[in-house]
Amino acid sequence: MKDFALLLLQKSLNARFNRTAADNPWFVFGASYSGALSAWFRLKFPHLTCGSLASSAVVLAVYNFTEFDQQVKIGVLCFLMHL
């Protein structure tokens, strides 16, 4: 994320559109994993963005989420039974 902040937003894009760090209209967004990245980016670099939209983003990860594994197993078994 820091690479993106420094290279793309601060230097390349701001220079291309003749913007300064203070005049920064960038809005980051994404869905699912990229949505989580956009939310974390906004938290880490609030001075570089004016907002973030995180659609279907998991922003509070759960360690060792075994219920997800069980649901995937059920889904795979149902799929295999209908082949």
N, C-alpha and C. Protein backbone atom coordinates (compact mmCIF):
# COMPACT_ATOMS: atom_id res chain seq x y z
N MET A 1 0.81 -1.17 0.00
CA MET A 1 0.00 0.00 0.00
C MET A 1 0.87 1.25 0.00
N LYS A 2 1.97 1.18 0.71
CA LYS A 2 2.83 2.37 0.76
C LYS A 2 3.40 2.68 -0.62
N ASP A 3 3.74 1.64 -1.37
CA ASP A 3 4.24 1.84 -2.74
C ASP A 3 3.20 2.56 -3.58
N PHE A 4 1.95 2.10 -3.47
CA PHE A 4 0.87 2.73 -4.23
C PHE A 4 0.70 4.19 -3.82
N ALA A 5 0.75 4.43 -2.52
CA ALA A 5 0.59 5.80 -2.01
C ALA A 5 1.68 6.72 -2.54
N LEU A 6 2.90 6.27 -2.45
CA LEU A 6 4.01 7.13 -2.85
C LEU A 6 4.13 7.27 -4.35
N LEU A 7 4.14 6.16 -5.03
CA LEU A 7 4.41 6.19 -6.47
C LEU A 7 3.22 6.68 -7.28
N LEU A 8 2.08 6.06 -7.10
CA LEU A 8 0.94 6.39 -7.95
C LEU A 8 0.25 7.68 -7.56
N LEU A 9 -0.19 7.77 -6.32
CA LEU A 9 -0.98 8.94 -5.95
C LEU A 9 -0.15 10.20 -5.79
N GLN A 10 0.90 10.12 -5.00
CA GLN A 10 1.65 11.33 -4.70
C GLN A 10 2.47 11.82 -5.88
N LYS A 11 3.06 10.91 -6.63
CA LYS A 11 3.97 11.35 -7.69
C LYS A 11 3.36 11.27 -9.08
N SER A 12 3.06 10.10 -9.53
CA SER A 12 2.62 9.93 -10.92
C SER A 12 1.28 10.59 -11.22
N LEU A 13 0.25 10.22 -10.49
CA LEU A 13 -1.08 10.74 -10.81
C LEU A 13 -1.21 12.22 -10.47
N ASN A 14 -0.69 12.62 -9.32
CA ASN A 14 -0.78 14.04 -8.97
C ASN A 14 0.02 14.89 -9.94
N ALA A 15 1.17 14.42 -10.38
CA ALA A 15 1.96 15.17 -11.35
C ALA A 15 1.24 15.22 -12.71
N ARG A 16 0.66 14.10 -13.09
CA ARG A 16 -0.03 14.04 -14.38
C ARG A 16 -1.21 15.01 -14.44
N PHE A 17 -1.94 15.11 -13.34
CA PHE A 17 -3.11 15.98 -13.30
C PHE A 17 -2.83 17.31 -12.64
N ASN A 18 -1.56 17.62 -12.45
CA ASN A 18 -1.12 18.90 -11.90
C ASN A 18 -1.77 19.17 -10.53
N ARG A 19 -1.72 18.19 -9.66
CA ARG A 19 -2.27 18.30 -8.32
C ARG A 19 -1.13 18.33 -7.31
N THR A 20 -1.39 18.89 -6.15
CA THR A 20 -0.43 18.87 -5.06
C THR A 20 -0.94 17.92 -3.99
N ALA A 21 -0.09 17.63 -3.00
CA ALA A 21 -0.51 16.73 -1.92
C ALA A 21 -1.67 17.34 -1.14
N ALA A 22 -1.71 18.65 -1.02
CA ALA A 22 -2.79 19.30 -0.28
C ALA A 22 -4.10 19.30 -1.07
N ASP A 23 -4.01 19.37 -2.39
CA ASP A 23 -5.19 19.39 -3.25
C ASP A 23 -5.39 17.99 -3.80
N ASN A 24 -5.95 17.09 -2.98
CA ASN A 24 -5.96 15.68 -3.32
C ASN A 24 -7.38 15.13 -3.37
N PRO A 25 -7.97 15.00 -4.56
CA PRO A 25 -9.36 14.54 -4.67
C PRO A 25 -9.51 13.02 -4.80
N TRP A 26 -8.48 12.24 -4.53
CA TRP A 26 -8.54 10.80 -4.82
C TRP A 26 -9.50 10.08 -3.89
N PHE A 27 -10.32 9.24 -4.49
CA PHE A 27 -11.29 8.42 -3.77
C PHE A 27 -10.98 6.98 -4.12
N VAL A 28 -10.71 6.15 -3.14
CA VAL A 28 -10.36 4.76 -3.41
C VAL A 28 -11.58 3.87 -3.18
N PHE A 29 -11.69 2.82 -3.97
CA PHE A 29 -12.84 1.93 -3.84
C PHE A 29 -12.48 0.54 -4.29
N GLY A 30 -13.29 -0.40 -3.91
CA GLY A 30 -13.08 -1.78 -4.33
C GLY A 30 -14.17 -2.67 -3.76
N ALA A 31 -14.19 -3.90 -4.23
CA ALA A 31 -15.15 -4.89 -3.77
C ALA A 31 -14.39 -6.13 -3.32
N SER A 32 -14.86 -6.74 -2.27
CA SER A 32 -14.26 -7.93 -1.70
C SER A 32 -12.85 -7.59 -1.20
N TYR A 33 -11.83 -8.30 -1.68
CA TYR A 33 -10.47 -8.06 -1.18
C TYR A 33 -9.98 -6.65 -1.50
N SER A 34 -10.24 -6.18 -2.70
CA SER A 34 -9.80 -4.82 -3.05
C SER A 34 -10.57 -3.77 -2.24
N GLY A 35 -11.77 -4.11 -1.82
CA GLY A 35 -12.52 -3.22 -0.94
C GLY A 35 -11.87 -3.11 0.43
N ALA A 36 -11.41 -4.24 0.94
CA ALA A 36 -10.69 -4.22 2.21
C ALA A 36 -9.42 -3.39 2.08
N LEU A 37 -8.72 -3.55 0.97
CA LEU A 37 -7.51 -2.74 0.75
C LEU A 37 -7.84 -1.26 0.68
N SER A 38 -8.95 -0.90 0.06
CA SER A 38 -9.30 0.51 -0.03
C SER A 38 -9.63 1.08 1.36
N ALA A 39 -10.29 0.30 2.20
CA ALA A 39 -10.58 0.76 3.57
C ALA A 39 -9.31 0.91 4.37
N TRP A 40 -8.42 -0.07 4.28
CA TRP A 40 -7.16 0.01 5.02
C TRP A 40 -6.29 1.15 4.49
N PHE A 41 -6.33 1.36 3.18
CA PHE A 41 -5.56 2.46 2.59
C PHE A 41 -6.04 3.79 3.14
N ARG A 42 -7.35 3.96 3.23
CA ARG A 42 -7.91 5.20 3.77
C ARG A 42 -7.51 5.41 5.22
N LEU A 43 -7.50 4.32 6.00
CA LEU A 43 -7.09 4.42 7.40
C LEU A 43 -5.62 4.77 7.54
N LYS A 44 -4.81 4.19 6.69
CA LYS A 44 -3.36 4.40 6.78
C LYS A 44 -2.91 5.72 6.17
N PHE A 45 -3.57 6.15 5.10
CA PHE A 45 -3.18 7.36 4.38
C PHE A 45 -4.36 8.33 4.22
N PRO A 46 -4.91 8.83 5.31
CA PRO A 46 -6.08 9.71 5.19
C PRO A 46 -5.75 11.03 4.49
N HIS A 47 -4.49 11.43 4.52
CA HIS A 47 -4.09 12.68 3.87
C HIS A 47 -4.01 12.57 2.36
N LEU A 48 -4.05 11.35 1.83
CA LEU A 48 -3.95 11.15 0.37
C LEU A 48 -5.30 10.95 -0.30
N THR A 49 -6.34 10.67 0.48
CA THR A 49 -7.65 10.39 -0.11
C THR A 49 -8.73 11.22 0.57
N CYS A 50 -9.81 11.43 -0.17
CA CYS A 50 -10.95 12.14 0.42
C CYS A 50 -12.02 11.16 0.88
N GLY A 51 -11.85 9.87 0.56
CA GLY A 51 -12.83 8.88 0.99
C GLY A 51 -12.51 7.50 0.46
N SER A 52 -13.30 6.53 0.89
CA SER A 52 -13.12 5.14 0.48
C SER A 52 -14.47 4.45 0.47
N LEU A 53 -14.66 3.57 -0.49
CA LEU A 53 -15.85 2.74 -0.55
C LEU A 53 -15.40 1.28 -0.56
N ALA A 54 -15.79 0.54 0.46
CA ALA A 54 -15.39 -0.86 0.58
C ALA A 54 -16.64 -1.73 0.48
N SER A 55 -16.96 -2.15 -0.73
CA SER A 55 -18.16 -2.95 -0.96
C SER A 55 -17.85 -4.43 -0.73
N SER A 56 -18.63 -5.08 0.08
CA SER A 56 -18.45 -6.50 0.41
C SER A 56 -17.06 -6.81 0.93
N ALA A 57 -16.50 -5.89 1.67
CA ALA A 57 -15.14 -6.05 2.14
C ALA A 57 -15.11 -6.63 3.55
N VAL A 58 -14.19 -7.54 3.76
CA VAL A 58 -13.95 -8.07 5.10
C VAL A 58 -12.88 -7.18 5.72
N VAL A 59 -13.30 -6.32 6.62
CA VAL A 59 -12.33 -5.41 7.24
C VAL A 59 -11.94 -5.85 8.64
N LEU A 60 -12.61 -6.85 9.18
CA LEU A 60 -12.25 -7.42 10.47
C LEU A 60 -12.07 -8.92 10.26
N ALA A 61 -10.87 -9.31 9.92
CA ALA A 61 -10.59 -10.70 9.60
C ALA A 61 -10.70 -11.58 10.85
N VAL A 62 -11.14 -12.81 10.65
CA VAL A 62 -11.28 -13.77 11.73
C VAL A 62 -10.20 -14.84 11.55
N TYR A 63 -9.37 -14.99 12.55
CA TYR A 63 -8.31 -16.00 12.49
C TYR A 63 -8.89 -17.38 12.75
N ASN A 64 -8.46 -18.36 11.97
CA ASN A 64 -8.89 -19.74 12.13
C ASN A 64 -10.41 -19.88 12.05
N PHE A 65 -10.97 -19.39 10.98
CA PHE A 65 -12.42 -19.37 10.77
C PHE A 65 -12.87 -20.71 10.21
N THR A 66 -13.03 -21.70 11.09
CA THR A 66 -13.33 -23.06 10.66
C THR A 66 -14.74 -23.20 10.08
N GLU A 67 -15.66 -22.33 10.48
CA GLU A 67 -17.01 -22.41 9.94
C GLU A 67 -17.02 -22.19 8.43
N PHE A 68 -16.12 -21.35 7.94
CA PHE A 68 -16.02 -21.13 6.49
C PHE A 68 -15.59 -22.41 5.80
N ASP A 69 -14.59 -23.09 6.37
CA ASP A 69 -14.12 -24.35 5.78
C ASP A 69 -15.24 -25.38 5.72
N GLN A 70 -16.04 -25.44 6.78
CA GLN A 70 -17.16 -26.39 6.81
C GLN A 70 -18.18 -26.07 5.73
N GLN A 71 -18.47 -24.78 5.53
CA GLN A 71 -19.43 -24.39 4.50
C GLN A 71 -18.91 -24.71 3.10
N VAL A 72 -17.64 -24.50 2.87
CA VAL A 72 -17.04 -24.84 1.57
C VAL A 72 -17.12 -26.35 1.34
N LYS A 73 -16.85 -27.13 2.36
CA LYS A 73 -16.94 -28.59 2.25
C LYS A 73 -18.35 -29.02 1.86
N ILE A 74 -19.35 -28.45 2.51
CA ILE A 74 -20.76 -28.77 2.19
C ILE A 74 -21.06 -28.40 0.74
N GLY A 75 -20.62 -27.23 0.31
CA GLY A 75 -20.85 -26.79 -1.06
C GLY A 75 -20.20 -27.70 -2.08
N VAL A 76 -18.97 -28.12 -1.82
CA VAL A 76 -18.26 -29.01 -2.74
C VAL A 76 -18.95 -30.36 -2.80
N LEU A 77 -19.35 -30.89 -1.65
CA LEU A 77 -20.04 -32.19 -1.64
C LEU A 77 -21.36 -32.13 -2.40
N CYS A 78 -22.11 -31.05 -2.21
CA CYS A 78 -23.38 -30.89 -2.96
C CYS A 78 -23.12 -30.82 -4.46
N PHE A 79 -22.09 -30.12 -4.84
CA PHE A 79 -21.74 -30.00 -6.26
C PHE A 79 -21.38 -31.36 -6.84
N LEU A 80 -20.55 -32.11 -6.12
CA LEU A 80 -20.11 -33.43 -6.60
C LEU A 80 -21.27 -34.42 -6.69
N MET A 81 -22.23 -34.31 -5.79
CA MET A 81 -23.38 -35.22 -5.81
C MET A 81 -24.27 -34.96 -7.02
N HIS A 82 -24.23 -33.75 -7.57
CA HIS A 82 -25.10 -33.40 -8.70
C HIS A 82 -24.38 -33.49 -10.04
N LEU A 83 -23.21 -34.08 -10.09
CA LEU A 83 -22.50 -34.23 -11.37
C LEU A 83 -23.05 -35.37 -12.17
